[in-house]
Amino acid sequence: MAKGWLRRRGFVYRRPWARGAAAGDTIVTDRLALILALILAAFIGADLVLTGGETLLYLARKFVGLMDWVEFWR
């Protein structure tokens, strides 16, 4: 249902040249990528204005911890 809604509004499209299981896959369009990038930039800007970037620093530290944990399992 969500894919149909996104497809009707031009955010994703089907690959007509694909066959088999890949034929049902959808590709993200430039329009959707731009919207997601603008939303991300707005959240980063709001964090910098409201908290001085503390939330970004916290998330960066957690991400580094996750990378260390993933590296352990390698």
N, C-alpha and C. Protein backbone atom coordinates (compact mmCIF):
# COMPACT_ATOMS: atom_id res chain seq x y z
N MET A 1 0.82 -1.19 0.00
CA MET A 1 0.00 0.00 0.00
C MET A 1 0.86 1.25 0.00
N ALA A 2 1.91 1.27 0.82
CA ALA A 2 2.77 2.44 0.88
C ALA A 2 3.52 2.64 -0.42
N LYS A 3 3.94 1.55 -1.05
CA LYS A 3 4.66 1.68 -2.31
C LYS A 3 3.78 2.30 -3.39
N GLY A 4 2.51 1.92 -3.42
CA GLY A 4 1.60 2.50 -4.39
C GLY A 4 1.42 3.99 -4.18
N TRP A 5 1.31 4.41 -2.91
CA TRP A 5 1.15 5.81 -2.58
C TRP A 5 2.39 6.59 -3.02
N LEU A 6 3.56 6.04 -2.72
CA LEU A 6 4.80 6.72 -3.11
C LEU A 6 4.96 6.75 -4.62
N ARG A 7 4.57 5.67 -5.28
CA ARG A 7 4.71 5.61 -6.74
C ARG A 7 3.79 6.61 -7.42
N ARG A 8 2.56 6.75 -6.92
CA ARG A 8 1.62 7.70 -7.53
C ARG A 8 2.09 9.14 -7.39
N ARG A 9 2.86 9.44 -6.36
CA ARG A 9 3.33 10.80 -6.15
C ARG A 9 4.72 11.05 -6.75
N GLY A 10 5.28 10.07 -7.43
CA GLY A 10 6.53 10.25 -8.15
C GLY A 10 7.79 10.08 -7.32
N PHE A 11 7.70 9.44 -6.15
CA PHE A 11 8.87 9.25 -5.32
C PHE A 11 9.64 7.98 -5.68
N VAL A 12 8.97 6.97 -6.17
CA VAL A 12 9.62 5.73 -6.57
C VAL A 12 9.03 5.28 -7.90
N TYR A 13 9.74 4.42 -8.59
CA TYR A 13 9.20 3.87 -9.84
C TYR A 13 9.66 2.44 -10.00
N ARG A 14 8.95 1.71 -10.83
CA ARG A 14 9.28 0.31 -11.09
C ARG A 14 10.32 0.24 -12.19
N ARG A 15 11.08 -0.82 -12.17
CA ARG A 15 12.08 -1.03 -13.22
C ARG A 15 11.46 -1.94 -14.27
N PRO A 16 10.99 -1.41 -15.39
CA PRO A 16 10.32 -2.25 -16.39
C PRO A 16 11.25 -3.23 -17.08
N TRP A 17 12.55 -2.95 -17.07
CA TRP A 17 13.50 -3.83 -17.75
C TRP A 17 13.90 -5.04 -16.90
N ALA A 18 13.58 -5.02 -15.61
CA ALA A 18 13.98 -6.11 -14.72
C ALA A 18 13.03 -7.29 -14.87
N ARG A 19 13.53 -8.48 -14.61
CA ARG A 19 12.73 -9.69 -14.70
C ARG A 19 12.81 -10.42 -13.37
N GLY A 20 11.83 -11.24 -13.09
CA GLY A 20 11.84 -12.09 -11.89
C GLY A 20 11.61 -11.30 -10.62
N ALA A 21 12.34 -11.67 -9.56
CA ALA A 21 12.15 -11.06 -8.25
C ALA A 21 12.52 -9.58 -8.26
N ALA A 22 13.48 -9.19 -9.09
CA ALA A 22 13.92 -7.79 -9.13
C ALA A 22 12.88 -6.88 -9.78
N ALA A 23 11.92 -7.44 -10.51
CA ALA A 23 10.94 -6.62 -11.21
C ALA A 23 10.04 -5.87 -10.24
N GLY A 24 9.82 -6.41 -9.05
CA GLY A 24 8.96 -5.75 -8.09
C GLY A 24 9.67 -4.72 -7.24
N ASP A 25 10.99 -4.64 -7.35
CA ASP A 25 11.75 -3.68 -6.57
C ASP A 25 11.47 -2.26 -7.05
N THR A 26 11.63 -1.32 -6.16
CA THR A 26 11.46 0.08 -6.52
C THR A 26 12.77 0.80 -6.31
N ILE A 27 12.93 1.90 -7.02
CA ILE A 27 14.14 2.69 -6.95
C ILE A 27 13.77 4.06 -6.39
N VAL A 28 14.55 4.56 -5.47
CA VAL A 28 14.31 5.88 -4.91
C VAL A 28 14.70 6.92 -5.95
N THR A 29 13.85 7.89 -6.15
CA THR A 29 14.11 8.92 -7.14
C THR A 29 14.93 10.05 -6.52
N ASP A 30 15.42 10.94 -7.36
CA ASP A 30 16.18 12.10 -6.89
C ASP A 30 15.30 13.00 -6.02
N ARG A 31 14.02 13.07 -6.34
CA ARG A 31 13.10 13.91 -5.58
C ARG A 31 13.01 13.45 -4.13
N LEU A 32 12.85 12.16 -3.93
CA LEU A 32 12.76 11.63 -2.57
C LEU A 32 14.09 11.79 -1.83
N ALA A 33 15.20 11.57 -2.51
CA ALA A 33 16.51 11.73 -1.89
C ALA A 33 16.73 13.18 -1.46
N LEU A 34 16.30 14.13 -2.27
CA LEU A 34 16.44 15.54 -1.93
C LEU A 34 15.59 15.90 -0.72
N ILE A 35 14.37 15.41 -0.67
CA ILE A 35 13.49 15.68 0.47
C ILE A 35 14.08 15.10 1.75
N LEU A 36 14.59 13.89 1.70
CA LEU A 36 15.20 13.29 2.89
C LEU A 36 16.44 14.07 3.33
N ALA A 37 17.24 14.53 2.38
CA ALA A 37 18.43 15.32 2.71
C ALA A 37 18.05 16.64 3.36
N LEU A 38 16.99 17.29 2.87
CA LEU A 38 16.54 18.55 3.46
C LEU A 38 15.99 18.34 4.87
N ILE A 39 15.28 17.25 5.10
CA ILE A 39 14.78 16.95 6.44
C ILE A 39 15.94 16.71 7.39
N LEU A 40 16.93 15.95 6.95
CA LEU A 40 18.11 15.69 7.78
C LEU A 40 18.86 16.98 8.10
N ALA A 41 19.03 17.84 7.10
CA ALA A 41 19.70 19.12 7.32
C ALA A 41 18.92 19.99 8.30
N ALA A 42 17.59 19.96 8.22
CA ALA A 42 16.77 20.74 9.15
C ALA A 42 16.93 20.24 10.58
N PHE A 43 16.97 18.92 10.76
CA PHE A 43 17.16 18.37 12.11
C PHE A 43 18.55 18.70 12.65
N ILE A 44 19.56 18.63 11.81
CA ILE A 44 20.92 18.98 12.26
C ILE A 44 20.99 20.46 12.62
N GLY A 45 20.40 21.29 11.79
CA GLY A 45 20.38 22.73 12.09
C GLY A 45 19.64 23.04 13.38
N ALA A 46 18.50 22.39 13.58
CA ALA A 46 17.73 22.60 14.81
C ALA A 46 18.53 22.14 16.03
N ASP A 47 19.26 21.04 15.91
CA ASP A 47 20.08 20.57 17.02
C ASP A 47 21.19 21.56 17.34
N LEU A 48 21.83 22.09 16.32
CA LEU A 48 22.90 23.05 16.54
C LEU A 48 22.38 24.33 17.21
N VAL A 49 21.19 24.76 16.82
CA VAL A 49 20.62 25.98 17.39
C VAL A 49 20.12 25.74 18.81
N LEU A 50 19.43 24.63 19.03
CA LEU A 50 18.78 24.40 20.33
C LEU A 50 19.72 23.86 21.40
N THR A 51 20.64 22.96 21.03
CA THR A 51 21.48 22.33 22.05
C THR A 51 22.97 22.55 21.82
N GLY A 52 23.33 23.29 20.80
CA GLY A 52 24.74 23.52 20.52
C GLY A 52 25.46 22.30 19.98
N GLY A 53 24.72 21.34 19.47
CA GLY A 53 25.32 20.15 18.87
C GLY A 53 25.56 19.02 19.84
N GLU A 54 25.06 19.12 21.06
CA GLU A 54 25.28 18.06 22.05
C GLU A 54 24.66 16.74 21.62
N THR A 55 23.50 16.81 21.01
CA THR A 55 22.83 15.58 20.58
C THR A 55 23.62 14.90 19.48
N LEU A 56 24.15 15.68 18.55
CA LEU A 56 24.97 15.09 17.48
C LEU A 56 26.22 14.44 18.05
N LEU A 57 26.85 15.08 19.02
CA LEU A 57 28.03 14.51 19.65
C LEU A 57 27.69 13.20 20.37
N TYR A 58 26.56 13.18 21.07
CA TYR A 58 26.10 11.96 21.76
C TYR A 58 25.89 10.83 20.76
N LEU A 59 25.19 11.13 19.66
CA LEU A 59 24.94 10.11 18.64
C LEU A 59 26.23 9.64 17.98
N ALA A 60 27.16 10.55 17.76
CA ALA A 60 28.45 10.16 17.17
C ALA A 60 29.20 9.21 18.09
N ARG A 61 29.18 9.50 19.40
CA ARG A 61 29.86 8.62 20.35
C ARG A 61 29.20 7.24 20.38
N LYS A 62 27.88 7.20 20.34
CA LYS A 62 27.16 5.92 20.33
C LYS A 62 27.47 5.15 19.05
N PHE A 63 27.59 5.87 17.93
CA PHE A 63 27.90 5.22 16.66
C PHE A 63 29.30 4.61 16.69
N VAL A 64 30.26 5.33 17.26
CA VAL A 64 31.62 4.80 17.39
C VAL A 64 31.61 3.55 18.27
N GLY A 65 30.83 3.58 19.35
CA GLY A 65 30.69 2.40 20.20
C GLY A 65 30.10 1.22 19.44
N LEU A 66 29.12 1.49 18.60
CA LEU A 66 28.53 0.44 17.78
C LEU A 66 29.55 -0.14 16.81
N MET A 67 30.36 0.73 16.20
CA MET A 67 31.38 0.25 15.27
C MET A 67 32.40 -0.62 16.00
N ASP A 68 32.77 -0.24 17.22
CA ASP A 68 33.69 -1.08 18.00
C ASP A 68 33.06 -2.44 18.30
N TRP A 69 31.78 -2.45 18.61
CA TRP A 69 31.08 -3.70 18.91
C TRP A 69 31.00 -4.58 17.67
N VAL A 70 30.70 -3.97 16.52
CA VAL A 70 30.62 -4.73 15.27
C VAL A 70 31.99 -5.26 14.89
N GLU A 71 33.03 -4.47 15.12
CA GLU A 71 34.38 -4.91 14.81
C GLU A 71 34.77 -6.13 15.67
N PHE A 72 34.28 -6.17 16.89
CA PHE A 72 34.55 -7.31 17.76
C PHE A 72 34.05 -8.60 17.13
N TRP A 73 32.89 -8.57 16.51
CA TRP A 73 32.29 -9.77 15.92
C TRP A 73 32.94 -10.15 14.59
N ARG A 74 33.74 -9.28 14.06
CA ARG A 74 34.43 -9.58 12.82
C ARG A 74 35.51 -10.57 13.10
